[in-house]
Amino acid sequence: MLKNGFAGLALAGLLALSAIPASGAQGPEPVRKVLLQHDLPVPGWAETLVMVEIPVGAREGRHTHPGLAMVYVTEGAITLDYEGQPTKTYKAGEVFYVETGKVHEGINRGNVPARAIATFVTPKGQPMTTQVK
């Protein structure tokens, strides 16, 4: 039951992300489309499923999430700059996980758009993403 609940939380987080510019920089911006959002059977939590596209040369901007994020890269590659860990590039078919409150940023350093499906599990009513200066 808890496993399915986390997916709803992720969706809520993604919805909040779609309302916030990905970064303050000029240039191509990531695009987020919420595919599904629902409350989890765990009181106070929601799940959000989001399709993410990061254009060539774009970056999300350093940010955090109030809950969990699980990401499956479907096309291209996403370089993840993640607090406390070495920077790593994830290619199509690979997955990564972002812990609650960790500062991170997805960057497309490739020559094709990067696409991913992300699931967020977040506390209901909280913004999915908070940009970090």
Protein backbone atom coordinates (compact mmCIF):
# COMPACT_ATOMS: atom_id res chain seq x y z
CA MET A 1 0.00 0.00 0.00
CA LEU A 2 2.78 2.46 0.86
CA LYS A 3 4.56 1.75 -2.42
CA ASN A 4 1.52 2.82 -4.46
CA GLY A 5 1.00 5.84 -2.25
CA PHE A 6 4.41 7.23 -3.04
CA ALA A 7 3.50 7.50 -6.71
CA GLY A 8 0.61 9.87 -5.93
CA LEU A 9 2.84 12.01 -3.81
CA ALA A 10 5.30 12.27 -6.64
CA LEU A 11 2.55 13.52 -8.95
CA ALA A 12 1.58 16.31 -6.59
CA GLY A 13 5.17 17.36 -6.54
CA LEU A 14 5.36 17.40 -10.30
CA LEU A 15 2.28 19.55 -10.57
CA ALA A 16 3.91 22.05 -8.31
CA LEU A 17 7.01 21.86 -10.49
CA SER A 18 5.07 22.59 -13.64
CA ALA A 19 4.01 25.93 -12.19
CA ILE A 20 7.58 27.01 -11.44
CA PRO A 21 10.18 28.01 -14.01
CA ALA A 22 12.92 25.40 -14.00
CA SER A 23 15.71 27.93 -13.69
CA GLY A 24 16.44 31.61 -13.71
CA ALA A 25 18.83 31.32 -16.64
CA GLN A 26 18.06 32.47 -20.16
CA GLY A 27 17.74 29.83 -22.87
CA PRO A 28 15.74 26.67 -23.36
CA GLU A 29 13.63 25.67 -20.37
CA PRO A 30 12.65 22.17 -19.30
CA VAL A 31 9.01 21.27 -19.97
CA ARG A 32 6.93 19.28 -17.50
CA LYS A 33 3.55 17.73 -18.15
CA VAL A 34 1.57 16.18 -15.32
CA LEU A 35 0.15 12.86 -16.50
CA LEU A 36 -1.59 11.76 -13.31
CA GLN A 37 -2.05 13.01 -9.77
CA HIS A 38 -3.92 11.46 -6.88
CA ASP A 39 -4.08 11.21 -3.11
CA LEU A 40 -2.43 8.19 -1.59
CA PRO A 41 -4.09 5.87 0.89
CA VAL A 42 -1.51 7.20 3.35
CA PRO A 43 -3.14 10.25 4.99
CA GLY A 44 -1.54 13.56 4.04
CA TRP A 45 0.40 12.25 1.03
CA ALA A 46 -0.09 12.47 -2.73
CA GLU A 47 1.54 10.99 -5.82
CA THR A 48 2.27 12.70 -9.14
CA LEU A 49 3.43 11.18 -12.43
CA VAL A 50 5.15 13.67 -14.74
CA MET A 51 6.65 13.62 -18.21
CA VAL A 52 9.79 15.79 -18.31
CA GLU A 53 11.68 17.08 -21.33
CA ILE A 54 14.99 18.88 -20.98
CA PRO A 55 16.06 20.54 -24.26
CA VAL A 56 19.67 20.38 -25.42
CA GLY A 57 21.75 22.70 -23.24
CA ALA A 58 18.97 23.27 -20.69
CA ARG A 59 19.20 22.84 -16.94
CA GLU A 60 16.53 22.68 -14.27
CA GLY A 61 18.20 24.97 -11.76
CA ARG A 62 19.24 23.78 -8.31
CA HIS A 63 16.18 22.69 -6.36
CA THR A 64 14.74 20.37 -3.71
CA HIS A 65 11.55 18.33 -3.30
CA PRO A 66 9.55 17.92 -0.06
CA GLY A 67 9.23 14.19 -0.78
CA LEU A 68 10.68 11.42 -2.92
CA ALA A 69 11.39 11.57 -6.65
CA MET A 70 11.97 8.51 -8.84
CA VAL A 71 13.01 9.15 -12.44
CA TYR A 72 13.18 6.85 -15.50
CA VAL A 73 15.09 8.32 -18.46
CA THR A 74 13.27 7.39 -21.68
CA GLU A 75 15.37 9.28 -24.26
CA GLY A 76 18.73 11.03 -24.38
CA ALA A 77 20.67 11.50 -21.16
CA ILE A 78 20.32 13.56 -17.99
CA THR A 79 23.36 14.64 -16.01
CA LEU A 80 22.43 14.82 -12.33
CA ASP A 81 24.32 17.17 -10.04
CA TYR A 82 23.28 15.83 -6.60
CA GLU A 83 24.26 17.13 -3.16
CA GLY A 84 26.82 14.90 -1.48
CA GLN A 85 27.31 12.61 -4.50
CA PRO A 86 29.51 12.69 -7.59
CA THR A 87 27.85 14.12 -10.70
CA LYS A 88 26.50 11.25 -12.81
CA THR A 89 24.90 10.95 -16.24
CA TYR A 90 21.87 8.68 -16.66
CA LYS A 91 21.08 7.40 -20.17
CA ALA A 92 17.84 6.13 -21.70
CA GLY A 93 16.70 3.02 -19.84
CA GLU A 94 18.36 4.02 -16.56
CA VAL A 95 16.70 5.23 -13.36
CA PHE A 96 17.62 7.40 -10.42
CA TYR A 97 16.16 8.38 -7.07
CA VAL A 98 16.24 11.75 -5.31
CA GLU A 99 15.87 11.85 -1.54
CA THR A 100 13.67 14.33 0.28
CA GLY A 101 15.28 17.75 0.70
CA LYS A 102 18.48 17.01 -1.27
CA VAL A 103 19.69 19.85 -3.51
CA HIS A 104 20.05 18.63 -7.09
CA GLU A 105 19.82 19.68 -10.73
CA GLY A 106 19.17 17.83 -13.98
CA ILE A 107 21.19 19.06 -16.96
CA ASN A 108 21.10 18.05 -20.64
CA ARG A 109 24.70 18.13 -21.86
CA GLY A 110 23.90 15.93 -24.85
CA ASN A 111 22.98 16.75 -28.44
CA VAL A 112 19.36 15.48 -28.35
CA PRO A 113 16.45 16.37 -26.04
CA ALA A 114 16.38 14.35 -22.81
CA ARG A 115 13.03 12.88 -21.80
CA ALA A 116 12.01 11.14 -18.59
CA ILE A 117 9.03 9.95 -16.61
CA ALA A 118 9.17 11.01 -12.97
CA THR A 119 7.10 9.96 -10.00
CA PHE A 120 6.91 12.22 -6.95
CA VAL A 121 5.56 11.28 -3.54
CA THR A 122 5.01 14.46 -1.55
CA PRO A 123 3.04 15.84 1.38
CA LYS A 124 -0.33 17.11 0.17
CA GLY A 125 -0.54 20.85 -0.34
CA GLN A 126 3.22 21.45 -0.52
CA PRO A 127 4.93 22.73 -3.66
CA MET A 128 6.57 19.93 -5.59
CA THR A 129 9.79 21.90 -6.09
CA THR A 130 11.61 24.69 -4.31
CA GLN A 131 14.38 26.47 -6.20
CA VAL A 132 17.65 26.98 -4.30
CA LYS A 133 19.76 30.10 -4.79
